[in-house]
Amino acid sequence: MSKMALQNIENIGNPFTKLKFRHLLLRFILLSLLIGFLLGIFLASSSLKLNQQDLVVTIYVIQFVLLCLWLLRDFQRLKVKFKYVVGNLPKNQRWLRLVGLVLLTIMFSIGAGLLSFYLLSLAAPSFVEQALRDVANNPSVDRSNSFESNLLTSLAYCLVAPITEEFIFRGVILQRWATKWGIRAGLLSSSLLFGFCHPNNPIGLSLVGIILGVLYIKTRSLIVPVTFHVLNNILAVSMQLLPSNSLTYTPAEQLQQLRSSWWLGIVLMAISLTFLSRFLWSNWPSKDTAIPYLSNANKKEQ
């Protein structure tokens, strides 16, 4: 980065020095408790009935939308320019390659899920059986659900989640931690947090977080990782609609299937990592790479 560019960045100032992750975490916990309490009172006093899946999805949507609105309020208070967080649509973005990248990350996530469940089952089979029950109970799109329930879940997964999660994890947390610890540490730590927040497959989703972060840093546009996230979730939802007999299996039978298909996880991870590692190697940010917000602000100043 040139000395003039560094000087421009210093003159602009970095508002992410004032945004604190602990405040975001406290707000998340507060909203979770408050929304659950108020929604419970509302449902108890009205004729509206929601099944367990619709209730979980509704709480998620309200929670993340309100959290984003709260962050936008912080932006106004700290004079953070939202347009510098989002950036512009890249002119030369190769969208077909982005689709290929999505398919590779899905392949890796499936492989990582199979292999991690298999390894865990060797040490704690009862834990894995319970985890399989929890995964089966997660909100999903299924042909046995009502149209309204599937529509709500699809909108949450394919629209609300990509926009709100990318704004929070890449637009705010990555840039906050990159400001505090450096661009590489911020990228890795925010990606690990992203994976941890998806406990059904933390290894696979951590790598997805890294890919999304690299795309944001490289393009300086939040539109690109949001598009990636949308495509990824659309494919994941579509896969849930495929005919499957897994719902008729007991957790013990599913565990036995996992143990017999561990090799498939290795194959999927090996194939996908061959290409994903090349992408990461070619686009990994250097230590002095500025966060997207400051890069966009500097470009505007020039």
C-alpha atoms as a PDB file:
ATOM      1  CA  MET A   1       0.000   0.000   0.000  1.00  0.00           C
ATOM      2  CA  SER A   2       1.396   3.414  -0.964  1.00  0.00           C
ATOM      3  CA  LYS A   3       2.320   6.069   1.585  1.00  0.00           C
ATOM      4  CA  MET A   4      -0.327   8.377   0.139  1.00  0.00           C
ATOM      5  CA  ALA A   5      -3.001   5.717   0.586  1.00  0.00           C
ATOM      6  CA  LEU A   6      -1.894   5.128   4.177  1.00  0.00           C
ATOM      7  CA  GLN A   7      -2.027   8.870   4.822  1.00  0.00           C
ATOM      8  CA  ASN A   8      -5.554   9.078   3.399  1.00  0.00           C
ATOM      9  CA  ILE A   9      -6.679   6.192   5.603  1.00  0.00           C
ATOM     10  CA  GLU A  10      -5.216   7.861   8.689  1.00  0.00           C
ATOM     11  CA  ASN A  11      -7.042  11.076   7.817  1.00  0.00           C
ATOM     12  CA  ILE A  12     -10.367   9.240   7.370  1.00  0.00           C
ATOM     13  CA  GLY A  13     -10.249   7.581  10.767  1.00  0.00           C
ATOM     14  CA  ASN A  14     -11.444   4.100  11.685  1.00  0.00           C
ATOM     15  CA  PRO A  15     -14.843   3.996  13.434  1.00  0.00           C
ATOM     16  CA  PHE A  16     -14.398   0.295  14.192  1.00  0.00           C
ATOM     17  CA  THR A  17     -12.074   1.240  17.030  1.00  0.00           C
ATOM     18  CA  LYS A  18     -15.216   2.306  18.918  1.00  0.00           C
ATOM     19  CA  LEU A  19     -17.535  -0.593  18.065  1.00  0.00           C
ATOM     20  CA  LYS A  20     -17.139  -3.237  20.777  1.00  0.00           C
ATOM     21  CA  PHE A  21     -17.894  -6.927  20.262  1.00  0.00           C
ATOM     22  CA  ARG A  22     -18.897  -7.374  23.910  1.00  0.00           C
ATOM     23  CA  HIS A  23     -21.676  -4.822  23.416  1.00  0.00           C
ATOM     24  CA  LEU A  24     -22.900  -6.788  20.392  1.00  0.00           C
ATOM     25  CA  LEU A  25     -22.847 -10.031  22.391  1.00  0.00           C
ATOM     26  CA  LEU A  26     -24.779  -8.499  25.295  1.00  0.00           C
ATOM     27  CA  ARG A  27     -27.387  -7.148  22.907  1.00  0.00           C
ATOM     28  CA  PHE A  28     -27.746 -10.567  21.300  1.00  0.00           C
ATOM     29  CA  ILE A  29     -28.399 -12.184  24.687  1.00  0.00           C
ATOM     30  CA  LEU A  30     -30.774  -9.407  25.741  1.00  0.00           C
ATOM     31  CA  LEU A  31     -32.771  -9.618  22.513  1.00  0.00           C
ATOM     32  CA  SER A  32     -32.966 -13.410  22.785  1.00  0.00           C
ATOM     33  CA  LEU A  33     -34.478 -13.230  26.257  1.00  0.00           C
ATOM     34  CA  LEU A  34     -36.760 -10.288  25.540  1.00  0.00           C
ATOM     35  CA  ILE A  35     -38.119 -11.617  22.229  1.00  0.00           C
ATOM     36  CA  GLY A  36     -38.752 -15.069  23.675  1.00  0.00           C
ATOM     37  CA  PHE A  37     -40.565 -13.568  26.665  1.00  0.00           C
ATOM     38  CA  LEU A  38     -42.712 -11.111  24.690  1.00  0.00           C
ATOM     39  CA  LEU A  39     -43.517 -13.600  21.946  1.00  0.00           C
ATOM     40  CA  GLY A  40     -44.536 -16.147  24.571  1.00  0.00           C
ATOM     41  CA  ILE A  41     -46.912 -13.651  26.171  1.00  0.00           C
ATOM     42  CA  PHE A  42     -48.337 -12.675  22.775  1.00  0.00           C
ATOM     43  CA  LEU A  43     -48.983 -16.273  21.701  1.00  0.00           C
ATOM     44  CA  ALA A  44     -50.514 -17.141  25.073  1.00  0.00           C
ATOM     45  CA  SER A  45     -52.970 -14.244  24.852  1.00  0.00           C
ATOM     46  CA  SER A  46     -53.907 -14.594  21.172  1.00  0.00           C
ATOM     47  CA  SER A  47     -55.478 -17.200  18.944  1.00  0.00           C
ATOM     48  CA  LEU A  48     -52.357 -17.425  16.770  1.00  0.00           C
ATOM     49  CA  LYS A  49     -50.676 -20.796  17.018  1.00  0.00           C
ATOM     50  CA  LEU A  50     -47.126 -21.557  15.918  1.00  0.00           C
ATOM     51  CA  ASN A  51     -45.492 -24.959  15.849  1.00  0.00           C
ATOM     52  CA  GLN A  52     -42.010 -25.397  17.312  1.00  0.00           C
ATOM     53  CA  GLN A  53     -40.220 -24.892  14.005  1.00  0.00           C
ATOM     54  CA  ASP A  54     -42.137 -21.726  13.077  1.00  0.00           C
ATOM     55  CA  LEU A  55     -41.551 -20.343  16.576  1.00  0.00           C
ATOM     56  CA  VAL A  56     -37.774 -20.884  16.357  1.00  0.00           C
ATOM     57  CA  VAL A  57     -37.597 -19.349  12.874  1.00  0.00           C
ATOM     58  CA  THR A  58     -39.745 -16.358  13.895  1.00  0.00           C
ATOM     59  CA  ILE A  59     -37.536 -15.649  16.918  1.00  0.00           C
ATOM     60  CA  TYR A  60     -34.425 -15.904  14.727  1.00  0.00           C
ATOM     61  CA  VAL A  61     -35.765 -13.465  12.135  1.00  0.00           C
ATOM     62  CA  ILE A  62     -36.889 -10.882  14.706  1.00  0.00           C
ATOM     63  CA  GLN A  63     -33.682 -11.255  16.690  1.00  0.00           C
ATOM     64  CA  PHE A  64     -31.250 -10.747  13.812  1.00  0.00           C
ATOM     65  CA  VAL A  65     -33.248  -7.990  12.133  1.00  0.00           C
ATOM     66  CA  LEU A  66     -33.420  -6.029  15.397  1.00  0.00           C
ATOM     67  CA  LEU A  67     -29.724  -6.616  16.043  1.00  0.00           C
ATOM     68  CA  CYS A  68     -28.893  -5.187  12.612  1.00  0.00           C
ATOM     69  CA  LEU A  69     -31.142  -2.182  13.199  1.00  0.00           C
ATOM     70  CA  TRP A  70     -29.407  -1.599  16.545  1.00  0.00           C
ATOM     71  CA  LEU A  71     -26.033  -1.672  14.773  1.00  0.00           C
ATOM     72  CA  LEU A  72     -27.280   0.808  12.186  1.00  0.00           C
ATOM     73  CA  ARG A  73     -28.228   3.074  15.063  1.00  0.00           C
ATOM     74  CA  ASP A  74     -24.639   2.789  16.270  1.00  0.00           C
ATOM     75  CA  PHE A  75     -23.498   3.707  12.779  1.00  0.00           C
ATOM     76  CA  GLN A  76     -25.467   6.943  12.993  1.00  0.00           C
ATOM     77  CA  ARG A  77     -24.085   7.721  16.435  1.00  0.00           C
ATOM     78  CA  LEU A  78     -20.474   7.018  15.442  1.00  0.00           C
ATOM     79  CA  LYS A  79     -20.889   8.525  11.956  1.00  0.00           C
ATOM     80  CA  VAL A  80     -20.085   5.237  10.227  1.00  0.00           C
ATOM     81  CA  LYS A  81     -20.955   5.467   6.541  1.00  0.00           C
ATOM     82  CA  PHE A  82     -23.017   2.425   5.619  1.00  0.00           C
ATOM     83  CA  LYS A  83     -22.063   2.729   1.939  1.00  0.00           C
ATOM     84  CA  TYR A  84     -18.409   2.135   2.833  1.00  0.00           C
ATOM     85  CA  VAL A  85     -19.360  -1.050   4.696  1.00  0.00           C
ATOM     86  CA  VAL A  86     -21.421  -2.399   1.777  1.00  0.00           C
ATOM     87  CA  GLY A  87     -19.182  -1.116  -1.012  1.00  0.00           C
ATOM     88  CA  ASN A  88     -20.022  -1.156  -4.715  1.00  0.00           C
ATOM     89  CA  LEU A  89     -20.933  -4.060  -6.944  1.00  0.00           C
ATOM     90  CA  PRO A  90     -17.641  -5.240  -8.535  1.00  0.00           C
ATOM     91  CA  LYS A  91     -17.557  -4.552 -12.258  1.00  0.00           C
ATOM     92  CA  ASN A  92     -15.473  -7.590 -13.214  1.00  0.00           C
ATOM     93  CA  GLN A  93     -16.840 -10.133 -10.740  1.00  0.00           C
ATOM     94  CA  ARG A  94     -16.921 -13.623 -12.245  1.00  0.00           C
ATOM     95  CA  TRP A  95     -20.257 -14.842 -10.957  1.00  0.00           C
ATOM     96  CA  LEU A  96     -20.017 -18.272 -12.579  1.00  0.00           C
ATOM     97  CA  ARG A  97     -16.821 -18.923 -10.633  1.00  0.00           C
ATOM     98  CA  LEU A  98     -18.651 -17.849  -7.498  1.00  0.00           C
ATOM     99  CA  VAL A  99     -21.233 -20.578  -8.136  1.00  0.00           C
ATOM    100  CA  GLY A 100     -18.412 -23.098  -8.477  1.00  0.00           C
ATOM    101  CA  LEU A 101     -16.945 -21.852  -5.214  1.00  0.00           C
ATOM    102  CA  VAL A 102     -20.310 -22.357  -3.524  1.00  0.00           C
ATOM    103  CA  LEU A 103     -20.505 -25.953  -4.783  1.00  0.00           C
ATOM    104  CA  LEU A 104     -16.978 -26.671  -3.528  1.00  0.00           C
ATOM    105  CA  THR A 105     -17.697 -25.288  -0.056  1.00  0.00           C
ATOM    106  CA  ILE A 106     -20.904 -27.324   0.173  1.00  0.00           C
ATOM    107  CA  MET A 107     -18.893 -30.401  -0.805  1.00  0.00           C
ATOM    108  CA  PHE A 108     -16.345 -29.612   1.911  1.00  0.00           C
ATOM    109  CA  SER A 109     -19.050 -28.966   4.513  1.00  0.00           C
ATOM    110  CA  ILE A 110     -20.729 -32.306   3.801  1.00  0.00           C
ATOM    111  CA  GLY A 111     -17.390 -34.093   3.975  1.00  0.00           C
ATOM    112  CA  ALA A 112     -16.347 -32.328   7.171  1.00  0.00           C
ATOM    113  CA  GLY A 113     -19.701 -33.138   8.769  1.00  0.00           C
ATOM    114  CA  LEU A 114     -19.448 -36.826   7.887  1.00  0.00           C
ATOM    115  CA  LEU A 115     -15.866 -37.150   9.091  1.00  0.00           C
ATOM    116  CA  SER A 116     -16.298 -35.154  12.314  1.00  0.00           C
ATOM    117  CA  PHE A 117     -19.424 -37.104  13.298  1.00  0.00           C
ATOM    118  CA  TYR A 118     -17.589 -40.356  12.560  1.00  0.00           C
ATOM    119  CA  LEU A 119     -14.561 -39.445  14.698  1.00  0.00           C
ATOM    120  CA  LEU A 120     -16.793 -38.260  17.538  1.00  0.00           C
ATOM    121  CA  SER A 121     -18.812 -41.465  17.363  1.00  0.00           C
ATOM    122  CA  LEU A 122     -15.698 -43.501  18.122  1.00  0.00           C
ATOM    123  CA  ALA A 123     -15.240 -41.731  21.456  1.00  0.00           C
ATOM    124  CA  ALA A 124     -18.777 -40.699  22.382  1.00  0.00           C
ATOM    125  CA  PRO A 125     -21.468 -42.558  20.415  1.00  0.00           C
ATOM    126  CA  SER A 126     -24.286 -41.436  22.735  1.00  0.00           C
ATOM    127  CA  PHE A 127     -23.279 -37.794  22.218  1.00  0.00           C
ATOM    128  CA  VAL A 128     -23.417 -38.233  18.437  1.00  0.00           C
ATOM    129  CA  GLU A 129     -26.825 -39.916  18.636  1.00  0.00           C
ATOM    130  CA  GLN A 130     -28.137 -36.932  20.595  1.00  0.00           C
ATOM    131  CA  ALA A 131     -26.536 -34.566  18.089  1.00  0.00           C
ATOM    132  CA  LEU A 132     -28.285 -36.400  15.255  1.00  0.00           C
ATOM    133  CA  ARG A 133     -31.597 -35.971  17.083  1.00  0.00           C
ATOM    134  CA  ASP A 134     -30.883 -32.246  17.471  1.00  0.00           C
ATOM    135  CA  VAL A 135     -30.023 -31.905  13.775  1.00  0.00           C
ATOM    136  CA  ALA A 136     -33.251 -33.707  12.843  1.00  0.00           C
ATOM    137  CA  ASN A 137     -35.206 -31.255  15.006  1.00  0.00           C
ATOM    138  CA  ASN A 138     -33.586 -28.166  13.469  1.00  0.00           C
ATOM    139  CA  PRO A 139     -35.901 -25.982  11.359  1.00  0.00           C
ATOM    140  CA  SER A 140     -35.918 -27.326   7.811  1.00  0.00           C
ATOM    141  CA  VAL A 141     -37.885 -27.280   4.598  1.00  0.00           C
ATOM    142  CA  ASP A 142     -39.729 -30.547   4.176  1.00  0.00           C
ATOM    143  CA  ARG A 143     -42.502 -31.756   1.891  1.00  0.00           C
ATOM    144  CA  SER A 144     -44.467 -32.880   4.940  1.00  0.00           C
ATOM    145  CA  ASN A 145     -44.598 -29.315   6.314  1.00  0.00           C
ATOM    146  CA  SER A 146     -47.292 -26.814   5.415  1.00  0.00           C
ATOM    147  CA  PHE A 147     -46.698 -24.373   2.569  1.00  0.00           C
ATOM    148  CA  GLU A 148     -46.680 -21.450   5.007  1.00  0.00           C
ATOM    149  CA  SER A 149     -44.098 -23.128   7.251  1.00  0.00           C
ATOM    150  CA  ASN A 150     -41.811 -23.949   4.335  1.00  0.00           C
ATOM    151  CA  LEU A 151     -42.174 -20.422   2.973  1.00  0.00           C
ATOM    152  CA  LEU A 152     -41.244 -18.882   6.330  1.00  0.00           C
ATOM    153  CA  THR A 153     -38.234 -21.170   6.733  1.00  0.00           C
ATOM    154  CA  SER A 154     -37.084 -20.611   3.140  1.00  0.00           C
ATOM    155  CA  LEU A 155     -37.265 -16.820   3.487  1.00  0.00           C
ATOM    156  CA  ALA A 156     -35.364 -16.987   6.768  1.00  0.00           C
ATOM    157  CA  TYR A 157     -32.618 -19.212   5.343  1.00  0.00           C
ATOM    158  CA  CYS A 158     -32.325 -17.757   1.857  1.00  0.00           C
ATOM    159  CA  LEU A 159     -32.916 -14.045   2.456  1.00  0.00           C
ATOM    160  CA  VAL A 160     -32.809 -12.958   6.098  1.00  0.00           C
ATOM    161  CA  ALA A 161     -29.845 -15.115   7.158  1.00  0.00           C
ATOM    162  CA  PRO A 162     -27.500 -14.150   4.285  1.00  0.00           C
ATOM    163  CA  ILE A 163     -28.139 -10.417   4.637  1.00  0.00           C
ATOM    164  CA  THR A 164     -28.131 -10.135   8.431  1.00  0.00           C
ATOM    165  CA  GLU A 165     -25.334 -12.632   9.109  1.00  0.00           C
ATOM    166  CA  GLU A 166     -23.023 -11.114   6.493  1.00  0.00           C
ATOM    167  CA  PHE A 167     -23.653  -7.635   7.832  1.00  0.00           C
ATOM    168  CA  ILE A 168     -22.927  -8.760  11.397  1.00  0.00           C
ATOM    169  CA  PHE A 169     -20.058 -11.230  10.881  1.00  0.00           C
ATOM    170  CA  ARG A 170     -18.238  -9.723   7.910  1.00  0.00           C
ATOM    171  CA  GLY A 171     -19.440  -6.112   7.894  1.00  0.00           C
ATOM    172  CA  VAL A 172     -18.960  -5.536  11.630  1.00  0.00           C
ATOM    173  CA  ILE A 173     -17.174  -8.314  13.554  1.00  0.00           C
ATOM    174  CA  LEU A 174     -14.469  -9.030  10.961  1.00  0.00           C
ATOM    175  CA  GLN A 175     -13.664  -5.330  10.609  1.00  0.00           C
ATOM    176  CA  ARG A 176     -13.752  -4.757  14.367  1.00  0.00           C
ATOM    177  CA  TRP A 177     -11.366  -7.646  15.115  1.00  0.00           C
ATOM    178  CA  ALA A 178      -9.169  -6.830  12.105  1.00  0.00           C
ATOM    179  CA  THR A 179      -8.838  -3.316  13.503  1.00  0.00           C
ATOM    180  CA  LYS A 180      -7.917  -4.720  16.905  1.00  0.00           C
ATOM    181  CA  TRP A 181      -5.648  -7.661  15.960  1.00  0.00           C
ATOM    182  CA  GLY A 182      -4.804  -7.289  12.265  1.00  0.00           C
ATOM    183  CA  ILE A 183      -6.553  -8.338   9.074  1.00  0.00           C
ATOM    184  CA  ARG A 184      -5.518 -12.003   9.135  1.00  0.00           C
ATOM    185  CA  ALA A 185      -6.351 -12.552  12.798  1.00  0.00           C
ATOM    186  CA  GLY A 186      -9.650 -10.737  12.329  1.00  0.00           C
ATOM    187  CA  LEU A 187     -10.489 -12.914   9.338  1.00  0.00           C
ATOM    188  CA  LEU A 188      -9.690 -16.192  11.124  1.00  0.00           C
ATOM    189  CA  SER A 189     -11.274 -15.318  14.481  1.00  0.00           C
ATOM    190  CA  SER A 190     -14.526 -14.024  12.957  1.00  0.00           C
ATOM    191  CA  SER A 191     -14.717 -17.147  10.772  1.00  0.00           C
ATOM    192  CA  LEU A 192     -14.224 -19.457  13.762  1.00  0.00           C
ATOM    193  CA  LEU A 193     -16.983 -17.579  15.582  1.00  0.00           C
ATOM    194  CA  PHE A 194     -19.214 -18.013  12.533  1.00  0.00           C
ATOM    195  CA  GLY A 195     -18.553 -21.756  12.602  1.00  0.00           C
ATOM    196  CA  PHE A 196     -19.122 -21.961  16.367  1.00  0.00           C
ATOM    197  CA  CYS A 197     -22.513 -20.301  15.888  1.00  0.00           C
ATOM    198  CA  HIS A 198     -23.453 -23.176  13.558  1.00  0.00           C
ATOM    199  CA  PRO A 199     -22.854 -26.135  15.910  1.00  0.00           C
ATOM    200  CA  ASN A 200     -24.309 -28.693  13.498  1.00  0.00           C
ATOM    201  CA  ASN A 201     -21.099 -28.396  11.409  1.00  0.00           C
ATOM    202  CA  PRO A 202     -18.572 -25.977  12.966  1.00  0.00           C
ATOM    203  CA  ILE A 203     -15.588 -27.149  10.878  1.00  0.00           C
ATOM    204  CA  GLY A 204     -17.390 -26.835   7.559  1.00  0.00           C
ATOM    205  CA  LEU A 205     -18.976 -23.493   8.437  1.00  0.00           C
ATOM    206  CA  SER A 206     -15.689 -22.089   9.741  1.00  0.00           C
ATOM    207  CA  LEU A 207     -14.174 -22.657   6.304  1.00  0.00           C
ATOM    208  CA  VAL A 208     -17.273 -21.118   4.726  1.00  0.00           C
ATOM    209  CA  GLY A 209     -16.693 -18.101   6.979  1.00  0.00           C
ATOM    210  CA  ILE A 210     -13.082 -17.854   5.795  1.00  0.00           C
ATOM    211  CA  ILE A 211     -14.175 -17.972   2.142  1.00  0.00           C
ATOM    212  CA  LEU A 212     -16.812 -15.301   2.767  1.00  0.00           C
ATOM    213  CA  GLY A 213     -14.299 -13.104   4.598  1.00  0.00           C
ATOM    214  CA  VAL A 214     -11.709 -13.413   1.839  1.00  0.00           C
ATOM    215  CA  LEU A 215     -14.340 -12.503  -0.755  1.00  0.00           C
ATOM    216  CA  TYR A 216     -15.309  -9.417   1.257  1.00  0.00           C
ATOM    217  CA  ILE A 217     -11.719  -8.275   1.759  1.00  0.00           C
ATOM    218  CA  LYS A 218     -10.785  -8.900  -1.881  1.00  0.00           C
ATOM    219  CA  THR A 219     -13.806  -7.256  -3.500  1.00  0.00           C
ATOM    220  CA  ARG A 220     -14.462  -4.668  -0.756  1.00  0.00           C
ATOM    221  CA  SER A 221     -18.140  -5.348  -1.433  1.00  0.00           C
ATOM    222  CA  LEU A 222     -20.528  -6.993   1.018  1.00  0.00           C
ATOM    223  CA  ILE A 223     -22.758  -7.792  -1.967  1.00  0.00           C
ATOM    224  CA  VAL A 224     -20.425 -10.611  -3.046  1.00  0.00           C
ATOM    225  CA  PRO A 225     -20.441 -12.626   0.222  1.00  0.00           C
ATOM    226  CA  VAL A 226     -24.176 -12.004   0.575  1.00  0.00           C
ATOM    227  CA  THR A 227     -24.711 -13.439  -2.915  1.00  0.00           C
ATOM    228  CA  PHE A 228     -22.478 -16.409  -2.058  1.00  0.00           C
ATOM    229  CA  HIS A 229     -24.446 -16.961   1.163  1.00  0.00           C
ATOM    230  CA  VAL A 230     -27.776 -16.765  -0.684  1.00  0.00           C
ATOM    231  CA  LEU A 231     -26.675 -19.315  -3.292  1.00  0.00           C
ATOM    232  CA  ASN A 232     -25.271 -21.620  -0.616  1.00  0.00           C
ATOM    233  CA  ASN A 233     -28.486 -21.562   1.407  1.00  0.00           C
ATOM    234  CA  ILE A 234     -30.719 -21.973  -1.642  1.00  0.00           C
ATOM    235  CA  LEU A 235     -28.807 -25.120  -2.590  1.00  0.00           C
ATOM    236  CA  ALA A 236     -28.943 -26.363   1.014  1.00  0.00           C
ATOM    237  CA  VAL A 237     -32.707 -25.817   1.170  1.00  0.00           C
ATOM    238  CA  SER A 238     -33.161 -27.479  -2.225  1.00  0.00           C
ATOM    239  CA  MET A 239     -31.253 -30.528  -0.990  1.00  0.00           C
ATOM    240  CA  GLN A 240     -33.700 -30.824   1.918  1.00  0.00           C
ATOM    241  CA  LEU A 241     -36.523 -31.299  -0.588  1.00  0.00           C
ATOM    242  CA  LEU A 242     -34.856 -34.273  -2.252  1.00  0.00           C
ATOM    243  CA  PRO A 243     -36.413 -37.689  -1.493  1.00  0.00           C
ATOM    244  CA  SER A 244     -34.757 -39.227   1.559  1.00  0.00           C
ATOM    245  CA  ASN A 245     -35.353 -42.133   3.902  1.00  0.00           C
ATOM    246  CA  SER A 246     -33.190 -40.649   6.683  1.00  0.00           C
ATOM    247  CA  LEU A 247     -36.217 -39.484   8.661  1.00  0.00           C
ATOM    248  CA  THR A 248     -37.378 -43.093   9.010  1.00  0.00           C
ATOM    249  CA  TYR A 249     -34.083 -44.184  10.546  1.00  0.00           C
ATOM    250  CA  THR A 250     -33.454 -44.156  14.277  1.00  0.00           C
ATOM    251  CA  PRO A 251     -30.417 -42.177  15.539  1.00  0.00           C
ATOM    252  CA  ALA A 252     -28.624 -45.493  16.129  1.00  0.00           C
ATOM    253  CA  GLU A 253     -29.227 -46.519  12.508  1.00  0.00           C
ATOM    254  CA  GLN A 254     -28.065 -43.103  11.267  1.00  0.00           C
ATOM    255  CA  LEU A 255     -24.939 -43.475  13.396  1.00  0.00           C
ATOM    256  CA  GLN A 256     -24.233 -46.839  11.774  1.00  0.00           C
ATOM    257  CA  GLN A 257     -24.609 -45.248   8.345  1.00  0.00           C
ATOM    258  CA  LEU A 258     -22.143 -42.518   9.298  1.00  0.00           C
ATOM    259  CA  ARG A 259     -19.596 -45.079  10.434  1.00  0.00           C
ATOM    260  CA  SER A 260     -19.879 -46.956   7.157  1.00  0.00           C
ATOM    261  CA  SER A 261     -19.472 -43.817   4.997  1.00  0.00           C
ATOM    262  CA  TRP A 262     -16.530 -42.131   6.751  1.00  0.00           C
ATOM    263  CA  TRP A 263     -14.409 -42.617   3.615  1.00  0.00           C
ATOM    264  CA  LEU A 264     -16.843 -40.467   1.623  1.00  0.00           C
ATOM    265  CA  GLY A 265     -16.118 -37.557   3.952  1.00  0.00           C
ATOM    266  CA  ILE A 266     -12.388 -37.858   3.244  1.00  0.00           C
ATOM    267  CA  VAL A 267     -12.982 -38.022  -0.520  1.00  0.00           C
ATOM    268  CA  LEU A 268     -15.253 -34.962  -0.531  1.00  0.00           C
ATOM    269  CA  MET A 269     -12.848 -32.945   1.622  1.00  0.00           C
ATOM    270  CA  ALA A 270      -9.819 -33.949  -0.456  1.00  0.00           C
ATOM    271  CA  ILE A 271     -11.446 -32.997  -3.765  1.00  0.00           C
ATOM    272  CA  SER A 272     -12.876 -29.697  -2.531  1.00  0.00           C
ATOM    273  CA  LEU A 273      -9.739 -28.643  -0.634  1.00  0.00           C
ATOM    274  CA  THR A 274      -7.650 -29.111  -3.775  1.00  0.00           C
ATOM    275  CA  PHE A 275      -9.480 -26.175  -5.348  1.00  0.00           C
ATOM    276  CA  LEU A 276     -10.391 -24.181  -2.230  1.00  0.00           C
ATOM    277  CA  SER A 277      -6.805 -24.086  -0.992  1.00  0.00           C
ATOM    278  CA  ARG A 278      -5.737 -22.695  -4.373  1.00  0.00           C
ATOM    279  CA  PHE A 279      -8.377 -19.985  -4.115  1.00  0.00           C
ATOM    280  CA  LEU A 280      -7.306 -19.065  -0.580  1.00  0.00           C
ATOM    281  CA  TRP A 281      -3.618 -19.084  -1.479  1.00  0.00           C
ATOM    282  CA  SER A 282      -4.212 -16.724  -4.398  1.00  0.00           C
ATOM    283  CA  ASN A 283      -6.455 -14.319  -2.484  1.00  0.00           C
ATOM    284  CA  TRP A 284      -5.140 -14.430   1.089  1.00  0.00           C
ATOM    285  CA  PRO A 285      -4.777 -10.851   2.380  1.00  0.00           C
ATOM    286  CA  SER A 286      -1.357  -9.452   3.157  1.00  0.00           C
ATOM    287  CA  LYS A 287      -0.639  -8.165   6.650  1.00  0.00           C
ATOM    288  CA  ASP A 288      -0.992  -4.527   5.627  1.00  0.00           C
ATOM    289  CA  THR A 289      -4.303  -4.960   3.791  1.00  0.00           C
ATOM    290  CA  ALA A 290      -6.806  -2.356   4.953  1.00  0.00           C
ATOM    291  CA  ILE A 291     -10.284  -3.352   6.069  1.00  0.00           C
ATOM    292  CA  PRO A 292     -12.941  -2.910   3.330  1.00  0.00           C
ATOM    293  CA  TYR A 293     -14.466   0.121   5.055  1.00  0.00           C
ATOM    294  CA  LEU A 294     -11.222   2.088   4.952  1.00  0.00           C
ATOM    295  CA  SER A 295     -10.378   0.915   1.426  1.00  0.00           C
ATOM    296  CA  ASN A 296     -13.753   2.122   0.168  1.00  0.00           C
ATOM    297  CA  ALA A 297     -13.432   5.410   2.058  1.00  0.00           C
ATOM    298  CA  ASN A 298      -9.918   5.962   0.725  1.00  0.00           C
ATOM    299  CA  LYS A 299     -11.051   5.274  -2.840  1.00  0.00           C
ATOM    300  CA  LYS A 300     -13.807   7.838  -2.430  1.00  0.00           C
ATOM    301  CA  GLU A 301     -11.354  10.429  -1.124  1.00  0.00           C
ATOM    302  CA  GLN A 302      -9.016  10.031  -4.095  1.00  0.00           C
END
